[in-house]
Amino acid sequence: MSRIHALSLEYGFRIIEDASHAIGAKYAGAPVGSGRYSDISVFSFHPVKIITSAEGGMAMTNQPALAKRMQVLRNHGITRDPELMTREPIGDWEYQQISLGANYRMSDIHASLGLSQLHRVDDFVAQRRRLQARYDSLLADLPVITPYQSKECDSTLHLYPIQLQLEHISLTQAEVFARMREQELGVNIHYIPVHTQPYYQALGFKHGDFPNAERYYERALSLPLFHGMTDKEQDRVVDILSRITRTA
C-alpha cells in the first residue's frame, strides 16, 4: 500500500482500498482503514467477516468532502445540509435532491448488531491469530504450504487458505475437497480467478493470461477458521487432512 500510495502522488490518481476482509488488521503499524495510504477504505459486515451486522458495510475516509459526497449518494442523492443546498432552506423539514443516488443506508437494527460486536474485534482477531499459529505448527509436516504472513502486516486471518502440494499427493484438489466435505468439514476454495469468469471471458480475457493466479487456484484449499473454534475441532480438521493426504 505504501508503494501504491507513492505512485498515486506521482500520477495523481485516487485510491479506494478494498479492506472487506481486514477489520482489525494493521499495516505498517497503523490500523487498516486509518486512511494513511488511501482516500477511502471499505469494510464488509457480511456474516462470514470478522464482525457482522448480518449484512452491509462501511466506507471510511478522512476527507470531509468525500464523506459528504458518500452520505449524499447513500441516501438517494438527498441532503439536509444547508452548505450543499442550492438555496437557504426555509425550514428544518426541507431537503434537496442534488444528485442521483440509491438507498445504501444500513438499517438501525443492523447497525445495532454491528455496534454490539465492535468492542470484541480485538478478542476475535487474537483468537484467530492463535488458531493460525496452531494450524501453522500442526500442518508443518503435511504436504501443504501454509499462508504467507508479511512482517509488515498484522492480518485478521479472515481465511486460512493452504496450498496443496499436489506433486506429493496422489489425489486431485477436487478429490481432497470432496473427502474433506464427506467428513462434514466446511472447507472451501477461495477464490476462482476473476478473468476466468464468463463475463470477463466475453471481454477477451482467456485462460493463461494470469498463470500465477491460475496455479494458486488449482492448489488452494481453505480450512475452517472462526473465532469460536476449539482446539479439539481444529485437531480434527488436521487429523482428517493428514489421513487423506498421507494415505492418498
C-alpha atoms as a PDB file:
ATOM      1  CA  MET A   1       0.000   0.000   0.000  1.00  0.00           C
ATOM      2  CA  SER A   2       2.843   2.426   0.707  1.00  0.00           C
ATOM      3  CA  ARG A   3       4.237   1.912  -2.806  1.00  0.00           C
ATOM      4  CA  ILE A   4       0.783   2.250  -4.383  1.00  0.00           C
ATOM      5  CA  HIS A   5       0.272   5.463  -2.393  1.00  0.00           C
ATOM      6  CA  ALA A   6       3.609   6.820  -3.624  1.00  0.00           C
ATOM      7  CA  LEU A   7       2.508   6.176  -7.208  1.00  0.00           C
ATOM      8  CA  SER A   8      -0.800   7.963  -6.560  1.00  0.00           C
ATOM      9  CA  LEU A   9       1.123  11.074  -5.502  1.00  0.00           C
ATOM     10  CA  GLU A  10       3.294  10.883  -8.608  1.00  0.00           C
ATOM     11  CA  TYR A  11       0.496  10.261 -11.132  1.00  0.00           C
ATOM     12  CA  GLY A  12      -2.477  11.923  -9.429  1.00  0.00           C
ATOM     13  CA  PHE A  13      -4.913   9.019  -9.047  1.00  0.00           C
ATOM     14  CA  ARG A  14      -7.168   8.231  -6.076  1.00  0.00           C
ATOM     15  CA  ILE A  15      -7.108   5.033  -4.015  1.00  0.00           C
ATOM     16  CA  ILE A  16     -10.192   3.147  -2.836  1.00  0.00           C
ATOM     17  CA  GLU A  17      -8.944   0.393  -0.537  1.00  0.00           C
ATOM     18  CA  ASP A  18     -10.936  -2.857  -0.532  1.00  0.00           C
ATOM     19  CA  ALA A  19     -10.443  -3.835   3.125  1.00  0.00           C
ATOM     20  CA  SER A  20     -13.545  -6.033   3.285  1.00  0.00           C
ATOM     21  CA  HIS A  21     -11.649  -8.889   4.958  1.00  0.00           C
ATOM     22  CA  ALA A  22      -9.383  -6.737   7.112  1.00  0.00           C
ATOM     23  CA  ILE A  23     -11.441  -5.404  10.019  1.00  0.00           C
ATOM     24  CA  GLY A  24      -8.994  -5.151  12.923  1.00  0.00           C
ATOM     25  CA  ALA A  25      -5.893  -5.677  10.785  1.00  0.00           C
ATOM     26  CA  LYS A  26      -2.805  -3.461  10.776  1.00  0.00           C
ATOM     27  CA  TYR A  27      -0.389  -2.452   8.049  1.00  0.00           C
ATOM     28  CA  ALA A  28       2.995  -0.890   8.843  1.00  0.00           C
ATOM     29  CA  GLY A  29       1.838  -0.405  12.428  1.00  0.00           C
ATOM     30  CA  ALA A  30      -1.339   1.520  11.587  1.00  0.00           C
ATOM     31  CA  PRO A  31      -4.917   0.170  11.570  1.00  0.00           C
ATOM     32  CA  VAL A  32      -6.251  -0.704   8.132  1.00  0.00           C
ATOM     33  CA  GLY A  33      -8.840   1.973   7.403  1.00  0.00           C
ATOM     34  CA  SER A  34      -6.852   4.776   9.019  1.00  0.00           C
ATOM     35  CA  GLY A  35      -6.504   6.469   5.633  1.00  0.00           C
ATOM     36  CA  ARG A  36      -2.717   6.737   5.723  1.00  0.00           C
ATOM     37  CA  TYR A  37      -2.394   5.243   2.234  1.00  0.00           C
ATOM     38  CA  SER A  38      -5.882   5.535   0.745  1.00  0.00           C
ATOM     39  CA  ASP A  39      -8.661   8.039   0.146  1.00  0.00           C
ATOM     40  CA  ILE A  40     -11.458   5.614   1.045  1.00  0.00           C
ATOM     41  CA  SER A  41     -11.351   2.253   2.860  1.00  0.00           C
ATOM     42  CA  VAL A  42     -14.258  -0.155   2.513  1.00  0.00           C
ATOM     43  CA  PHE A  43     -15.200  -2.804   5.103  1.00  0.00           C
ATOM     44  CA  SER A  44     -17.757  -5.600   4.850  1.00  0.00           C
ATOM     45  CA  PHE A  45     -20.020  -6.775   7.681  1.00  0.00           C
ATOM     46  CA  HIS A  46     -21.284  -9.871   5.857  1.00  0.00           C
ATOM     47  CA  PRO A  47     -21.907 -12.824   8.242  1.00  0.00           C
ATOM     48  CA  VAL A  48     -18.624 -14.554   7.320  1.00  0.00           C
ATOM     49  CA  LYS A  49     -16.481 -11.491   8.094  1.00  0.00           C
ATOM     50  CA  ILE A  50     -14.612 -10.728  11.352  1.00  0.00           C
ATOM     51  CA  ILE A  51     -17.668  -8.963  12.788  1.00  0.00           C
ATOM     52  CA  THR A  52     -21.120  -8.844  11.266  1.00  0.00           C
ATOM     53  CA  SER A  53     -24.184  -6.646  11.116  1.00  0.00           C
ATOM     54  CA  ALA A  54     -25.903  -9.507   9.207  1.00  0.00           C
ATOM     55  CA  GLU A  55     -25.377  -7.517   6.005  1.00  0.00           C
ATOM     56  CA  GLY A  56     -23.976  -4.208   4.865  1.00  0.00           C
ATOM     57  CA  GLY A  57     -20.646  -2.498   5.295  1.00  0.00           C
ATOM     58  CA  MET A  58     -18.884   0.806   5.847  1.00  0.00           C
ATOM     59  CA  ALA A  59     -16.843   3.234   3.773  1.00  0.00           C
ATOM     60  CA  MET A  60     -14.323   5.315   5.722  1.00  0.00           C
ATOM     61  CA  THR A  61     -12.427   8.459   4.777  1.00  0.00           C
ATOM     62  CA  ASN A  62     -10.522  11.286   6.454  1.00  0.00           C
ATOM     63  CA  GLN A  63     -11.577  13.769   3.769  1.00  0.00           C
ATOM     64  CA  PRO A  64     -14.691  15.805   4.692  1.00  0.00           C
ATOM     65  CA  ALA A  65     -15.659  16.444   1.054  1.00  0.00           C
ATOM     66  CA  LEU A  66     -15.599  12.735   0.243  1.00  0.00           C
ATOM     67  CA  ALA A  67     -17.543  11.921   3.413  1.00  0.00           C
ATOM     68  CA  LYS A  68     -20.289  14.365   2.460  1.00  0.00           C
ATOM     69  CA  ARG A  69     -20.389  13.024  -1.092  1.00  0.00           C
ATOM     70  CA  MET A  70     -20.789   9.440   0.125  1.00  0.00           C
ATOM     71  CA  GLN A  71     -23.501  10.466   2.595  1.00  0.00           C
ATOM     72  CA  VAL A  72     -25.477  12.026  -0.255  1.00  0.00           C
ATOM     73  CA  LEU A  73     -25.000   9.057  -2.599  1.00  0.00           C
ATOM     74  CA  ARG A  74     -26.143   6.529   0.020  1.00  0.00           C
ATOM     75  CA  ASN A  75     -29.378   8.456   0.592  1.00  0.00           C
ATOM     76  CA  HIS A  76     -30.936   8.792  -2.872  1.00  0.00           C
ATOM     77  CA  GLY A  77     -28.810  11.872  -3.605  1.00  0.00           C
ATOM     78  CA  ILE A  78     -30.722  13.762  -0.908  1.00  0.00           C
ATOM     79  CA  THR A  79     -29.210  16.197   1.592  1.00  0.00           C
ATOM     80  CA  ARG A  80     -30.381  18.285   4.532  1.00  0.00           C
ATOM     81  CA  ASP A  81     -27.027  20.056   4.787  1.00  0.00           C
ATOM     82  CA  PRO A  82     -27.554  23.779   4.036  1.00  0.00           C
ATOM     83  CA  GLU A  83     -23.975  24.013   2.759  1.00  0.00           C
ATOM     84  CA  LEU A  84     -24.832  21.597  -0.061  1.00  0.00           C
ATOM     85  CA  MET A  85     -28.207  23.083  -0.977  1.00  0.00           C
ATOM     86  CA  THR A  86     -28.733  25.410  -3.892  1.00  0.00           C
ATOM     87  CA  ARG A  87     -30.531  27.937  -1.657  1.00  0.00           C
ATOM     88  CA  GLU A  88     -31.161  28.604   2.035  1.00  0.00           C
ATOM     89  CA  PRO A  89     -33.761  26.145   3.413  1.00  0.00           C
ATOM     90  CA  ILE A  90     -36.994  27.736   4.606  1.00  0.00           C
ATOM     91  CA  GLY A  91     -37.386  25.261   7.499  1.00  0.00           C
ATOM     92  CA  ASP A  92     -35.799  22.309   9.280  1.00  0.00           C
ATOM     93  CA  TRP A  93     -38.034  19.895   7.349  1.00  0.00           C
ATOM     94  CA  GLU A  94     -36.644  20.865   3.977  1.00  0.00           C
ATOM     95  CA  TYR A  95     -34.289  18.692   1.970  1.00  0.00           C
ATOM     96  CA  GLN A  96     -32.998  18.747  -1.591  1.00  0.00           C
ATOM     97  CA  GLN A  97     -32.108  16.061  -4.065  1.00  0.00           C
ATOM     98  CA  ILE A  98     -28.886  17.363  -5.540  1.00  0.00           C
ATOM     99  CA  SER A  99     -27.807  14.251  -7.480  1.00  0.00           C
ATOM    100  CA  LEU A 100     -28.889  10.752  -8.394  1.00  0.00           C
ATOM    101  CA  GLY A 101     -28.192   8.210  -5.685  1.00  0.00           C
ATOM    102  CA  ALA A 102     -29.518   4.993  -4.196  1.00  0.00           C
ATOM    103  CA  ASN A 103     -30.548   3.573  -0.848  1.00  0.00           C
ATOM    104  CA  TYR A 104     -27.264   2.339   0.583  1.00  0.00           C
ATOM    105  CA  ARG A 105     -28.282   3.005   4.178  1.00  0.00           C
ATOM    106  CA  MET A 106     -27.803   0.293   6.781  1.00  0.00           C
ATOM    107  CA  SER A 107     -30.889  -0.272   8.903  1.00  0.00           C
ATOM    108  CA  ASP A 108     -30.820   0.716  12.578  1.00  0.00           C
ATOM    109  CA  ILE A 109     -31.232  -2.933  13.595  1.00  0.00           C
ATOM    110  CA  HIS A 110     -28.251  -3.997  11.505  1.00  0.00           C
ATOM    111  CA  ALA A 111     -26.187  -1.113  12.876  1.00  0.00           C
ATOM    112  CA  SER A 112     -27.035  -2.067  16.461  1.00  0.00           C
ATOM    113  CA  LEU A 113     -25.921  -5.636  15.818  1.00  0.00           C
ATOM    114  CA  GLY A 114     -22.639  -4.399  14.362  1.00  0.00           C
ATOM    115  CA  LEU A 115     -22.009  -1.975  17.215  1.00  0.00           C
ATOM    116  CA  SER A 116     -22.600  -4.742  19.763  1.00  0.00           C
ATOM    117  CA  GLN A 117     -19.653  -6.650  18.246  1.00  0.00           C
ATOM    118  CA  LEU A 118     -17.344  -3.738  17.618  1.00  0.00           C
ATOM    119  CA  HIS A 119     -15.768  -3.790  21.087  1.00  0.00           C
ATOM    120  CA  ARG A 120     -14.990  -7.513  20.617  1.00  0.00           C
ATOM    121  CA  VAL A 121     -12.868  -7.085  17.480  1.00  0.00           C
ATOM    122  CA  ASP A 122      -9.544  -7.364  19.313  1.00  0.00           C
ATOM    123  CA  ASP A 123     -10.629 -10.588  21.040  1.00  0.00           C
ATOM    124  CA  PHE A 124     -11.883 -12.065  17.772  1.00  0.00           C
ATOM    125  CA  VAL A 125      -8.620 -11.232  15.993  1.00  0.00           C
ATOM    126  CA  ALA A 126      -6.444 -12.506  18.855  1.00  0.00           C
ATOM    127  CA  GLN A 127      -8.246 -15.861  18.801  1.00  0.00           C
ATOM    128  CA  ARG A 128      -7.906 -16.152  15.025  1.00  0.00           C
ATOM    129  CA  ARG A 129      -4.174 -15.475  15.260  1.00  0.00           C
ATOM    130  CA  ARG A 130      -3.802 -18.093  17.992  1.00  0.00           C
ATOM    131  CA  LEU A 131      -5.590 -20.636  15.815  1.00  0.00           C
ATOM    132  CA  GLN A 132      -3.438 -19.640  12.847  1.00  0.00           C
ATOM    133  CA  ALA A 133      -0.283 -20.312  14.867  1.00  0.00           C
ATOM    134  CA  ARG A 134      -1.654 -23.732  15.866  1.00  0.00           C
ATOM    135  CA  TYR A 135      -2.510 -24.554  12.249  1.00  0.00           C
ATOM    136  CA  ASP A 136       0.986 -23.499  11.135  1.00  0.00           C
ATOM    137  CA  SER A 137       2.527 -25.843  13.697  1.00  0.00           C
ATOM    138  CA  LEU A 138       0.159 -28.779  13.220  1.00  0.00           C
ATOM    139  CA  LEU A 139       0.455 -28.695   9.419  1.00  0.00           C
ATOM    140  CA  ALA A 140       4.251 -28.365   9.321  1.00  0.00           C
ATOM    141  CA  ASP A 141       4.860 -31.995   8.325  1.00  0.00           C
ATOM    142  CA  LEU A 142       1.976 -32.311   5.852  1.00  0.00           C
ATOM    143  CA  PRO A 143       2.313 -31.872   2.064  1.00  0.00           C
ATOM    144  CA  VAL A 144       0.800 -28.376   2.162  1.00  0.00           C
ATOM    145  CA  ILE A 145       2.027 -24.777   2.121  1.00  0.00           C
ATOM    146  CA  THR A 146       0.604 -22.594   4.887  1.00  0.00           C
ATOM    147  CA  PRO A 147      -0.428 -18.939   4.263  1.00  0.00           C
ATOM    148  CA  TYR A 148       2.391 -16.440   3.963  1.00  0.00           C
ATOM    149  CA  GLN A 149       2.354 -13.648   6.538  1.00  0.00           C
ATOM    150  CA  SER A 150       4.190 -10.428   5.693  1.00  0.00           C
ATOM    151  CA  LYS A 151       6.245  -8.966   8.553  1.00  0.00           C
ATOM    152  CA  GLU A 152       4.804  -5.502   7.891  1.00  0.00           C
ATOM    153  CA  CYS A 153       1.210  -6.735   8.214  1.00  0.00           C
ATOM    154  CA  ASP A 154      -0.925  -7.987  11.101  1.00  0.00           C
ATOM    155  CA  SER A 155      -3.636  -9.979   9.347  1.00  0.00           C
ATOM    156  CA  THR A 156      -7.022 -10.704  10.885  1.00  0.00           C
ATOM    157  CA  LEU A 157      -6.993 -14.164   9.241  1.00  0.00           C
ATOM    158  CA  HIS A 158     -10.422 -13.872   7.655  1.00  0.00           C
ATOM    159  CA  LEU A 159      -9.480 -17.078   5.828  1.00  0.00           C
ATOM    160  CA  TYR A 160      -6.859 -19.779   6.268  1.00  0.00           C
ATOM    161  CA  PRO A 161      -6.094 -20.910   2.695  1.00  0.00           C
ATOM    162  CA  ILE A 162      -3.420 -23.568   2.266  1.00  0.00           C
ATOM    163  CA  GLN A 163      -1.773 -24.721  -0.938  1.00  0.00           C
ATOM    164  CA  LEU A 164      -1.873 -28.461  -1.592  1.00  0.00           C
ATOM    165  CA  GLN A 165       1.475 -29.828  -2.787  1.00  0.00           C
ATOM    166  CA  LEU A 166      -0.223 -31.987  -5.377  1.00  0.00           C
ATOM    167  CA  GLU A 167       3.075 -33.415  -6.609  1.00  0.00           C
ATOM    168  CA  HIS A 168       3.280 -35.232  -3.250  1.00  0.00           C
ATOM    169  CA  ILE A 169      -0.387 -36.281  -3.131  1.00  0.00           C
ATOM    170  CA  SER A 170      -1.971 -38.894  -5.389  1.00  0.00           C
ATOM    171  CA  LEU A 171      -5.346 -37.157  -5.189  1.00  0.00           C
ATOM    172  CA  THR A 172      -6.515 -34.123  -7.116  1.00  0.00           C
ATOM    173  CA  GLN A 173      -7.602 -30.910  -5.436  1.00  0.00           C
ATOM    174  CA  ALA A 174     -11.236 -31.818  -6.151  1.00  0.00           C
ATOM    175  CA  GLU A 175     -10.806 -35.246  -4.542  1.00  0.00           C
ATOM    176  CA  VAL A 176      -9.221 -33.811  -1.399  1.00  0.00           C
ATOM    177  CA  PHE A 177     -12.027 -31.248  -1.231  1.00  0.00           C
ATOM    178  CA  ALA A 178     -14.708 -33.923  -1.642  1.00  0.00           C
ATOM    179  CA  ARG A 179     -13.211 -36.200   1.002  1.00  0.00           C
ATOM    180  CA  MET A 180     -12.995 -33.339   3.496  1.00  0.00           C
ATOM    181  CA  ARG A 181     -16.620 -32.413   2.813  1.00  0.00           C
ATOM    182  CA  GLU A 182     -17.633 -36.064   3.261  1.00  0.00           C
ATOM    183  CA  GLN A 183     -16.318 -35.739   6.812  1.00  0.00           C
ATOM    184  CA  GLU A 184     -18.642 -32.736   7.293  1.00  0.00           C
ATOM    185  CA  LEU A 185     -15.783 -30.250   7.366  1.00  0.00           C
ATOM    186  CA  GLY A 186     -16.608 -26.826   5.919  1.00  0.00           C
ATOM    187  CA  VAL A 187     -13.615 -26.481   3.625  1.00  0.00           C
ATOM    188  CA  ASN A 188     -13.875 -24.213   0.622  1.00  0.00           C
ATOM    189  CA  ILE A 189     -11.769 -22.846  -2.213  1.00  0.00           C
ATOM    190  CA  HIS A 190     -11.001 -19.119  -2.335  1.00  0.00           C
ATOM    191  CA  TYR A 191     -11.141 -17.809  -4.995  1.00  0.00           C
ATOM    192  CA  ILE A 192     -11.846 -18.578  -8.632  1.00  0.00           C
ATOM    193  CA  PRO A 193      -9.689 -16.171 -10.703  1.00  0.00           C
ATOM    194  CA  VAL A 194     -11.867 -13.329 -11.958  1.00  0.00           C
ATOM    195  CA  HIS A 195     -10.506 -13.423 -15.510  1.00  0.00           C
ATOM    196  CA  THR A 196     -11.832 -16.978 -15.956  1.00  0.00           C
ATOM    197  CA  GLN A 197     -15.442 -15.954 -15.301  1.00  0.00           C
ATOM    198  CA  PRO A 198     -17.801 -15.830 -18.322  1.00  0.00           C
ATOM    199  CA  TYR A 199     -18.334 -12.063 -18.120  1.00  0.00           C
ATOM    200  CA  TYR A 200     -14.609 -11.350 -18.441  1.00  0.00           C
ATOM    201  CA  GLN A 201     -14.073 -14.132 -20.960  1.00  0.00           C
ATOM    202  CA  ALA A 202     -16.617 -12.346 -23.166  1.00  0.00           C
ATOM    203  CA  LEU A 203     -14.495  -9.200 -22.865  1.00  0.00           C
ATOM    204  CA  GLY A 204     -11.494 -11.052 -24.277  1.00  0.00           C
ATOM    205  CA  PHE A 205      -9.706 -12.377 -21.213  1.00  0.00           C
ATOM    206  CA  LYS A 206      -8.634 -16.010 -21.504  1.00  0.00           C
ATOM    207  CA  HIS A 207      -7.094 -18.831 -19.531  1.00  0.00           C
ATOM    208  CA  GLY A 208      -3.331 -18.383 -19.332  1.00  0.00           C
ATOM    209  CA  ASP A 209      -3.463 -14.590 -19.036  1.00  0.00           C
ATOM    210  CA  PHE A 210      -2.590 -14.732 -15.328  1.00  0.00           C
ATOM    211  CA  PRO A 211      -0.741 -18.033 -14.751  1.00  0.00           C
ATOM    212  CA  ASN A 212       0.184 -17.380 -11.109  1.00  0.00           C
ATOM    213  CA  ALA A 213      -3.446 -16.767 -10.137  1.00  0.00           C
ATOM    214  CA  GLU A 214      -4.492 -19.903 -12.004  1.00  0.00           C
ATOM    215  CA  ARG A 215      -1.769 -22.017 -10.393  1.00  0.00           C
ATOM    216  CA  TYR A 216      -2.775 -20.756  -6.954  1.00  0.00           C
ATOM    217  CA  TYR A 217      -6.440 -21.580  -7.591  1.00  0.00           C
ATOM    218  CA  GLU A 218      -5.634 -25.105  -8.776  1.00  0.00           C
ATOM    219  CA  ARG A 219      -3.954 -25.880  -5.413  1.00  0.00           C
ATOM    220  CA  ALA A 220      -5.988 -23.800  -2.967  1.00  0.00           C
ATOM    221  CA  LEU A 221      -7.999 -25.172  -0.080  1.00  0.00           C
ATOM    222  CA  SER A 222      -9.389 -23.012   2.738  1.00  0.00           C
ATOM    223  CA  LEU A 223      -9.565 -24.775   6.091  1.00  0.00           C
ATOM    224  CA  PRO A 224     -12.235 -23.899   8.684  1.00  0.00           C
ATOM    225  CA  LEU A 225     -11.263 -20.942  10.872  1.00  0.00           C
ATOM    226  CA  PHE A 226     -13.573 -18.958  13.144  1.00  0.00           C
ATOM    227  CA  HIS A 227     -13.071 -17.264  16.484  1.00  0.00           C
ATOM    228  CA  GLY A 228     -15.268 -19.772  18.316  1.00  0.00           C
ATOM    229  CA  MET A 229     -13.313 -22.767  17.017  1.00  0.00           C
ATOM    230  CA  THR A 230     -11.984 -25.060  19.740  1.00  0.00           C
ATOM    231  CA  ASP A 231      -8.606 -26.762  19.770  1.00  0.00           C
ATOM    232  CA  LYS A 232     -10.409 -30.112  19.573  1.00  0.00           C
ATOM    233  CA  GLU A 233     -12.254 -29.037  16.430  1.00  0.00           C
ATOM    234  CA  GLN A 234      -9.032 -27.784  14.893  1.00  0.00           C
ATOM    235  CA  ASP A 235      -7.212 -31.019  15.775  1.00  0.00           C
ATOM    236  CA  ARG A 236      -9.962 -32.955  13.994  1.00  0.00           C
ATOM    237  CA  VAL A 237      -9.531 -30.876  10.820  1.00  0.00           C
ATOM    238  CA  VAL A 238      -5.778 -31.502  10.791  1.00  0.00           C
ATOM    239  CA  ASP A 239      -6.173 -35.207  11.617  1.00  0.00           C
ATOM    240  CA  ILE A 240      -8.589 -35.785   8.740  1.00  0.00           C
ATOM    241  CA  LEU A 241      -6.474 -33.770   6.294  1.00  0.00           C
ATOM    242  CA  SER A 242      -3.398 -35.725   7.415  1.00  0.00           C
ATOM    243  CA  ARG A 243      -5.074 -39.086   6.853  1.00  0.00           C
ATOM    244  CA  ILE A 244      -6.378 -38.020   3.430  1.00  0.00           C
ATOM    245  CA  THR A 245      -3.058 -36.650   2.161  1.00  0.00           C
ATOM    246  CA  ARG A 246      -0.784 -39.286   3.700  1.00  0.00           C
ATOM    247  CA  THR A 247      -2.793 -42.331   2.624  1.00  0.00           C
ATOM    248  CA  ALA A 248      -3.677 -40.954  -0.789  1.00  0.00           C
END
